[in-house]
Amino acid sequence: MLRDGGPLSQTDSFIDEVTEEVRRDKFYAFLRRFGWIGILAVCVLVGGRRGMNTPNPRPGPKPRPRAMR
């Protein structure tokens, strides 16, 4: 009958279902095409943070050799 407030007909229900499937297919196609960018960004962020946590080797006093007895 009417779509605004009334029950949906079978045709309207079918159209809504097809529209949802098309939207889902487009979303998954987008992920397949550009998902690698997100994965690369996460790897760069994690790798960058790991590099920040490693201590920098600073030149300090050299160890003195032990006296031989």
PDB file of N, CA and C in Angstrom:
ATOM      1  N   MET A   1       0.834  -1.182   0.000  1.00  0.00           N
ATOM      2  CA  MET A   1       0.000   0.000   0.000  1.00  0.00           C
ATOM      3  C   MET A   1       0.880   1.247   0.000  1.00  0.00           C
ATOM      4  N   LEU A   2       0.731   2.054   1.034  1.00  0.00           N
ATOM      5  CA  LEU A   2       1.530   3.261   1.118  1.00  0.00           C
ATOM      6  C   LEU A   2       2.847   2.968   1.818  1.00  0.00           C
ATOM      7  N   ARG A   3       3.847   3.630   1.357  1.00  0.00           N
ATOM      8  CA  ARG A   3       5.150   3.440   1.972  1.00  0.00           C
ATOM      9  C   ARG A   3       5.285   4.297   3.227  1.00  0.00           C
ATOM     10  N   ASP A   4       4.631   5.426   3.267  1.00  0.00           N
ATOM     11  CA  ASP A   4       4.721   6.337   4.414  1.00  0.00           C
ATOM     12  C   ASP A   4       3.719   5.929   5.478  1.00  0.00           C
ATOM     13  N   GLY A   5       4.155   5.149   6.419  1.00  0.00           N
ATOM     14  CA  GLY A   5       3.297   4.772   7.531  1.00  0.00           C
ATOM     15  C   GLY A   5       2.513   3.502   7.311  1.00  0.00           C
ATOM     16  N   GLY A   6       2.295   3.108   6.091  1.00  0.00           N
ATOM     17  CA  GLY A   6       1.540   1.905   5.804  1.00  0.00           C
ATOM     18  C   GLY A   6       2.465   0.718   5.651  1.00  0.00           C
ATOM     19  N   PRO A   7       1.911  -0.479   5.569  1.00  0.00           N
ATOM     20  CA  PRO A   7       2.745  -1.664   5.389  1.00  0.00           C
ATOM     21  C   PRO A   7       3.412  -1.657   4.014  1.00  0.00           C
ATOM     22  N   LEU A   8       4.606  -2.165   3.954  1.00  0.00           N
ATOM     23  CA  LEU A   8       5.330  -2.230   2.692  1.00  0.00           C
ATOM     24  C   LEU A   8       4.794  -3.378   1.851  1.00  0.00           C
ATOM     25  N   SER A   9       4.708  -3.147   0.569  1.00  0.00           N
ATOM     26  CA  SER A   9       4.304  -4.234  -0.314  1.00  0.00           C
ATOM     27  C   SER A   9       5.503  -5.142  -0.543  1.00  0.00           C
ATOM     28  N   GLN A  10       5.259  -6.268  -1.159  1.00  0.00           N
ATOM     29  CA  GLN A  10       6.354  -7.197  -1.434  1.00  0.00           C
ATOM     30  C   GLN A  10       7.377  -6.571  -2.373  1.00  0.00           C
ATOM     31  N   THR A  11       6.906  -5.761  -3.307  1.00  0.00           N
ATOM     32  CA  THR A  11       7.813  -5.116  -4.251  1.00  0.00           C
ATOM     33  C   THR A  11       8.738  -4.150  -3.531  1.00  0.00           C
ATOM     34  N   ASP A  12       8.179  -3.335  -2.623  1.00  0.00           N
ATOM     35  CA  ASP A  12       8.993  -2.382  -1.870  1.00  0.00           C
ATOM     36  C   ASP A  12       9.998  -3.104  -0.984  1.00  0.00           C
ATOM     37  N   SER A  13       9.568  -4.190  -0.378  1.00  0.00           N
ATOM     38  CA  SER A  13      10.466  -4.968   0.464  1.00  0.00           C
ATOM     39  C   SER A  13      11.605  -5.556  -0.367  1.00  0.00           C
ATOM     40  N   PHE A  14      11.287  -6.042  -1.548  1.00  0.00           N
ATOM     41  CA  PHE A  14      12.306  -6.600  -2.435  1.00  0.00           C
ATOM     42  C   PHE A  14      13.285  -5.519  -2.878  1.00  0.00           C
ATOM     43  N   ILE A  15      12.770  -4.355  -3.237  1.00  0.00           N
ATOM     44  CA  ILE A  15      13.630  -3.248  -3.665  1.00  0.00           C
ATOM     45  C   ILE A  15      14.554  -2.821  -2.530  1.00  0.00           C
ATOM     46  N   ASP A  16      14.029  -2.753  -1.313  1.00  0.00           N
ATOM     47  CA  ASP A  16      14.861  -2.394  -0.161  1.00  0.00           C
ATOM     48  C   ASP A  16      15.957  -3.429   0.067  1.00  0.00           C
ATOM     49  N   GLU A  17      15.621  -4.697  -0.090  1.00  0.00           N
ATOM     50  CA  GLU A  17      16.606  -5.760   0.100  1.00  0.00           C
ATOM     51  C   GLU A  17      17.697  -5.694  -0.960  1.00  0.00           C
ATOM     52  N   VAL A  18      17.308  -5.463  -2.207  1.00  0.00           N
ATOM     53  CA  VAL A  18      18.283  -5.354  -3.294  1.00  0.00           C
ATOM     54  C   VAL A  18      19.161  -4.121  -3.088  1.00  0.00           C
ATOM     55  N   THR A  19      18.559  -3.009  -2.665  1.00  0.00           N
ATOM     56  CA  THR A  19      19.324  -1.787  -2.408  1.00  0.00           C
ATOM     57  C   THR A  19      20.360  -2.019  -1.317  1.00  0.00           C
ATOM     58  N   GLU A  20      19.973  -2.735  -0.274  1.00  0.00           N
ATOM     59  CA  GLU A  20      20.905  -3.045   0.812  1.00  0.00           C
ATOM     60  C   GLU A  20      22.049  -3.927   0.321  1.00  0.00           C
ATOM     61  N   GLU A  21      21.741  -4.908  -0.513  1.00  0.00           N
ATOM     62  CA  GLU A  21      22.782  -5.784  -1.063  1.00  0.00           C
ATOM     63  C   GLU A  21      23.745  -5.006  -1.956  1.00  0.00           C
ATOM     64  N   VAL A  22      23.212  -4.110  -2.781  1.00  0.00           N
ATOM     65  CA  VAL A  22      24.068  -3.306  -3.661  1.00  0.00           C
ATOM     66  C   VAL A  22      24.981  -2.419  -2.827  1.00  0.00           C
ATOM     67  N   ARG A  23      24.434  -1.812  -1.786  1.00  0.00           N
ATOM     68  CA  ARG A  23      25.228  -0.961  -0.900  1.00  0.00           C
ATOM     69  C   ARG A  23      26.340  -1.767  -0.228  1.00  0.00           C
ATOM     70  N   ARG A  24      26.006  -2.967   0.226  1.00  0.00           N
ATOM     71  CA  ARG A  24      27.002  -3.833   0.869  1.00  0.00           C
ATOM     72  C   ARG A  24      28.086  -4.243  -0.129  1.00  0.00           C
ATOM     73  N   ASP A  25      27.688  -4.591  -1.353  1.00  0.00           N
ATOM     74  CA  ASP A  25      28.667  -4.974  -2.372  1.00  0.00           C
ATOM     75  C   ASP A  25      29.616  -3.823  -2.703  1.00  0.00           C
ATOM     76  N   LYS A  26      29.085  -2.606  -2.784  1.00  0.00           N
ATOM     77  CA  LYS A  26      29.933  -1.442  -3.056  1.00  0.00           C
ATOM     78  C   LYS A  26      30.913  -1.201  -1.913  1.00  0.00           C
ATOM     79  N   PHE A  27      30.453  -1.397  -0.677  1.00  0.00           N
ATOM     80  CA  PHE A  27      31.320  -1.208   0.483  1.00  0.00           C
ATOM     81  C   PHE A  27      32.464  -2.216   0.467  1.00  0.00           C
ATOM     82  N   TYR A  28      32.161  -3.489   0.203  1.00  0.00           N
ATOM     83  CA  TYR A  28      33.206  -4.509   0.169  1.00  0.00           C
ATOM     84  C   TYR A  28      34.156  -4.298  -1.008  1.00  0.00           C
ATOM     85  N   ALA A  29      33.652  -3.803  -2.122  1.00  0.00           N
ATOM     86  CA  ALA A  29      34.525  -3.486  -3.253  1.00  0.00           C
ATOM     87  C   ALA A  29      35.472  -2.344  -2.882  1.00  0.00           C
ATOM     88  N   PHE A  30      34.960  -1.366  -2.137  1.00  0.00           N
ATOM     89  CA  PHE A  30      35.802  -0.266  -1.665  1.00  0.00           C
ATOM     90  C   PHE A  30      36.898  -0.784  -0.737  1.00  0.00           C
ATOM     91  N   LEU A  31      36.533  -1.693   0.180  1.00  0.00           N
ATOM     92  CA  LEU A  31      37.528  -2.256   1.099  1.00  0.00           C
ATOM     93  C   LEU A  31      38.584  -3.062   0.354  1.00  0.00           C
ATOM     94  N   ARG A  32      38.157  -3.839  -0.642  1.00  0.00           N
ATOM     95  CA  ARG A  32      39.123  -4.620  -1.414  1.00  0.00           C
ATOM     96  C   ARG A  32      40.077  -3.710  -2.184  1.00  0.00           C
ATOM     97  N   ARG A  33      39.568  -2.580  -2.637  1.00  0.00           N
ATOM     98  CA  ARG A  33      40.389  -1.689  -3.447  1.00  0.00           C
ATOM     99  C   ARG A  33      41.324  -0.827  -2.600  1.00  0.00           C
ATOM    100  N   PHE A  34      40.815  -0.291  -1.481  1.00  0.00           N
ATOM    101  CA  PHE A  34      41.587   0.669  -0.701  1.00  0.00           C
ATOM    102  C   PHE A  34      41.925   0.191   0.709  1.00  0.00           C
ATOM    103  N   GLY A  35      41.602  -1.030   1.050  1.00  0.00           N
ATOM    104  CA  GLY A  35      41.866  -1.529   2.394  1.00  0.00           C
ATOM    105  C   GLY A  35      43.340  -1.624   2.718  1.00  0.00           C
ATOM    106  N   TRP A  36      44.167  -1.843   1.703  1.00  0.00           N
ATOM    107  CA  TRP A  36      45.604  -1.955   1.927  1.00  0.00           C
ATOM    108  C   TRP A  36      46.178  -0.660   2.475  1.00  0.00           C
ATOM    109  N   ILE A  37      45.554   0.475   2.149  1.00  0.00           N
ATOM    110  CA  ILE A  37      46.046   1.759   2.657  1.00  0.00           C
ATOM    111  C   ILE A  37      45.874   1.818   4.172  1.00  0.00           C
ATOM    112  N   GLY A  38      44.739   1.357   4.658  1.00  0.00           N
ATOM    113  CA  GLY A  38      44.515   1.333   6.103  1.00  0.00           C
ATOM    114  C   GLY A  38      45.464   0.388   6.810  1.00  0.00           C
ATOM    115  N   ILE A  39      45.692  -0.774   6.220  1.00  0.00           N
ATOM    116  CA  ILE A  39      46.621  -1.741   6.820  1.00  0.00           C
ATOM    117  C   ILE A  39      48.035  -1.163   6.839  1.00  0.00           C
ATOM    118  N   LEU A  40      48.437  -0.510   5.756  1.00  0.00           N
ATOM    119  CA  LEU A  40      49.758   0.112   5.696  1.00  0.00           C
ATOM    120  C   LEU A  40      49.892   1.218   6.741  1.00  0.00           C
ATOM    121  N   ALA A  41      48.849   2.022   6.910  1.00  0.00           N
ATOM    122  CA  ALA A  41      48.887   3.100   7.905  1.00  0.00           C
ATOM    123  C   ALA A  41      49.049   2.541   9.312  1.00  0.00           C
ATOM    124  N   VAL A  42      48.345   1.471   9.620  1.00  0.00           N
ATOM    125  CA  VAL A  42      48.469   0.853  10.951  1.00  0.00           C
ATOM    126  C   VAL A  42      49.885   0.317  11.148  1.00  0.00           C
ATOM    127  N   CYS A  43      50.432  -0.337  10.136  1.00  0.00           N
ATOM    128  CA  CYS A  43      51.800  -0.873  10.251  1.00  0.00           C
ATOM    129  C   CYS A  43      52.821   0.246  10.448  1.00  0.00           C
ATOM    130  N   VAL A  44      52.662   1.352   9.730  1.00  0.00           N
ATOM    131  CA  VAL A  44      53.589   2.475   9.878  1.00  0.00           C
ATOM    132  C   VAL A  44      53.476   3.073  11.272  1.00  0.00           C
ATOM    133  N   LEU A  45      52.258   3.227  11.763  1.00  0.00           N
ATOM    134  CA  LEU A  45      52.079   3.786  13.107  1.00  0.00           C
ATOM    135  C   LEU A  45      52.670   2.874  14.171  1.00  0.00           C
ATOM    136  N   VAL A  46      52.411   1.588  14.068  1.00  0.00           N
ATOM    137  CA  VAL A  46      52.936   0.648  15.060  1.00  0.00           C
ATOM    138  C   VAL A  46      54.459   0.581  14.960  1.00  0.00           C
ATOM    139  N   GLY A  47      54.985   0.526  13.752  1.00  0.00           N
ATOM    140  CA  GLY A  47      56.433   0.495  13.577  1.00  0.00           C
ATOM    141  C   GLY A  47      57.097   1.777  14.049  1.00  0.00           C
ATOM    142  N   GLY A  48      56.455   2.906  13.815  1.00  0.00           N
ATOM    143  CA  GLY A  48      56.998   4.183  14.273  1.00  0.00           C
ATOM    144  C   GLY A  48      57.017   4.275  15.781  1.00  0.00           C
ATOM    145  N   ARG A  49      55.976   3.796  16.406  1.00  0.00           N
ATOM    146  CA  ARG A  49      55.940   3.811  17.873  1.00  0.00           C
ATOM    147  C   ARG A  49      56.982   2.864  18.447  1.00  0.00           C
ATOM    148  N   ARG A  50      57.201   1.751  17.788  1.00  0.00           N
ATOM    149  CA  ARG A  50      58.207   0.803  18.276  1.00  0.00           C
ATOM    150  C   ARG A  50      59.595   1.424  18.193  1.00  0.00           C
ATOM    151  N   GLY A  51      59.864   2.151  17.135  1.00  0.00           N
ATOM    152  CA  GLY A  51      61.152   2.807  16.989  1.00  0.00           C
ATOM    153  C   GLY A  51      61.366   3.895  18.021  1.00  0.00           C
ATOM    154  N   MET A  52      60.303   4.509  18.478  1.00  0.00           N
ATOM    155  CA  MET A  52      60.430   5.568  19.480  1.00  0.00           C
ATOM    156  C   MET A  52      60.738   4.994  20.859  1.00  0.00           C
ATOM    157  N   ASN A  53      60.393   3.755  21.090  1.00  0.00           N
ATOM    158  CA  ASN A  53      60.579   3.159  22.402  1.00  0.00           C
ATOM    159  C   ASN A  53      61.953   2.533  22.589  1.00  0.00           C
ATOM    160  N   THR A  54      62.694   2.357  21.515  1.00  0.00           N
ATOM    161  CA  THR A  54      64.019   1.763  21.666  1.00  0.00           C
ATOM    162  C   THR A  54      64.994   2.851  22.092  1.00  0.00           C
ATOM    163  N   PRO A  55      65.864   2.553  23.035  1.00  0.00           N
ATOM    164  CA  PRO A  55      66.794   3.580  23.509  1.00  0.00           C
ATOM    165  C   PRO A  55      67.853   3.900  22.462  1.00  0.00           C
ATOM    166  N   ASN A  56      68.231   5.155  22.411  1.00  0.00           N
ATOM    167  CA  ASN A  56      69.295   5.569  21.502  1.00  0.00           C
ATOM    168  C   ASN A  56      70.641   5.248  22.131  1.00  0.00           C
ATOM    169  N   PRO A  57      71.535   4.653  21.369  1.00  0.00           N
ATOM    170  CA  PRO A  57      72.869   4.411  21.935  1.00  0.00           C
ATOM    171  C   PRO A  57      73.615   5.739  22.041  1.00  0.00           C
ATOM    172  N   ARG A  58      73.922   6.127  23.254  1.00  0.00           N
ATOM    173  CA  ARG A  58      74.634   7.383  23.477  1.00  0.00           C
ATOM    174  C   ARG A  58      76.084   7.066  23.821  1.00  0.00           C
ATOM    175  N   PRO A  59      76.984   7.835  23.263  1.00  0.00           N
ATOM    176  CA  PRO A  59      78.378   7.590  23.630  1.00  0.00           C
ATOM    177  C   PRO A  59      78.602   8.013  25.081  1.00  0.00           C
ATOM    178  N   GLY A  60      79.066   7.101  25.852  1.00  0.00           N
ATOM    179  CA  GLY A  60      79.349   7.381  27.249  1.00  0.00           C
ATOM    180  C   GLY A  60      80.800   7.072  27.542  1.00  0.00           C
ATOM    181  N   PRO A  61      81.143   7.031  28.804  1.00  0.00           N
ATOM    182  CA  PRO A  61      82.534   6.702  29.134  1.00  0.00           C
ATOM    183  C   PRO A  61      82.850   5.269  28.718  1.00  0.00           C
ATOM    184  N   LYS A  62      84.008   5.100  28.166  1.00  0.00           N
ATOM    185  CA  LYS A  62      84.423   3.768  27.724  1.00  0.00           C
ATOM    186  C   LYS A  62      84.810   2.943  28.942  1.00  0.00           C
ATOM    187  N   PRO A  63      84.474   1.677  28.940  1.00  0.00           N
ATOM    188  CA  PRO A  63      84.867   0.847  30.082  1.00  0.00           C
ATOM    189  C   PRO A  63      86.387   0.677  30.125  1.00  0.00           C
ATOM    190  N   ARG A  64      86.922   0.789  31.321  1.00  0.00           N
ATOM    191  CA  ARG A  64      88.371   0.639  31.486  1.00  0.00           C
ATOM    192  C   ARG A  64      88.725  -0.839  31.529  1.00  0.00           C
ATOM    193  N   PRO A  65      89.833  -1.207  30.925  1.00  0.00           N
ATOM    194  CA  PRO A  65      90.231  -2.623  30.971  1.00  0.00           C
ATOM    195  C   PRO A  65      90.638  -3.011  32.388  1.00  0.00           C
ATOM    196  N   ARG A  66      90.379  -4.257  32.735  1.00  0.00           N
ATOM    197  CA  ARG A  66      90.749  -4.754  34.062  1.00  0.00           C
ATOM    198  C   ARG A  66      92.267  -4.899  34.160  1.00  0.00           C
ATOM    199  N   ALA A  67      92.734  -4.679  35.335  1.00  0.00           N
ATOM    200  CA  ALA A  67      94.176  -4.856  35.552  1.00  0.00           C
ATOM    201  C   ALA A  67      94.491  -6.344  35.595  1.00  0.00           C
ATOM    202  N   MET A  68      95.525  -6.736  34.903  1.00  0.00           N
ATOM    203  CA  MET A  68      95.906  -8.147  34.882  1.00  0.00           C
ATOM    204  C   MET A  68      96.773  -8.448  36.096  1.00  0.00           C
ATOM    205  N   ARG A  69      96.569  -9.540  36.698  1.00  0.00           N
ATOM    206  CA  ARG A  69      97.346  -9.924  37.873  1.00  0.00           C
ATOM    207  C   ARG A  69      98.275 -11.030  37.571  1.00  0.00           C
TER     208      ARG A  69
END
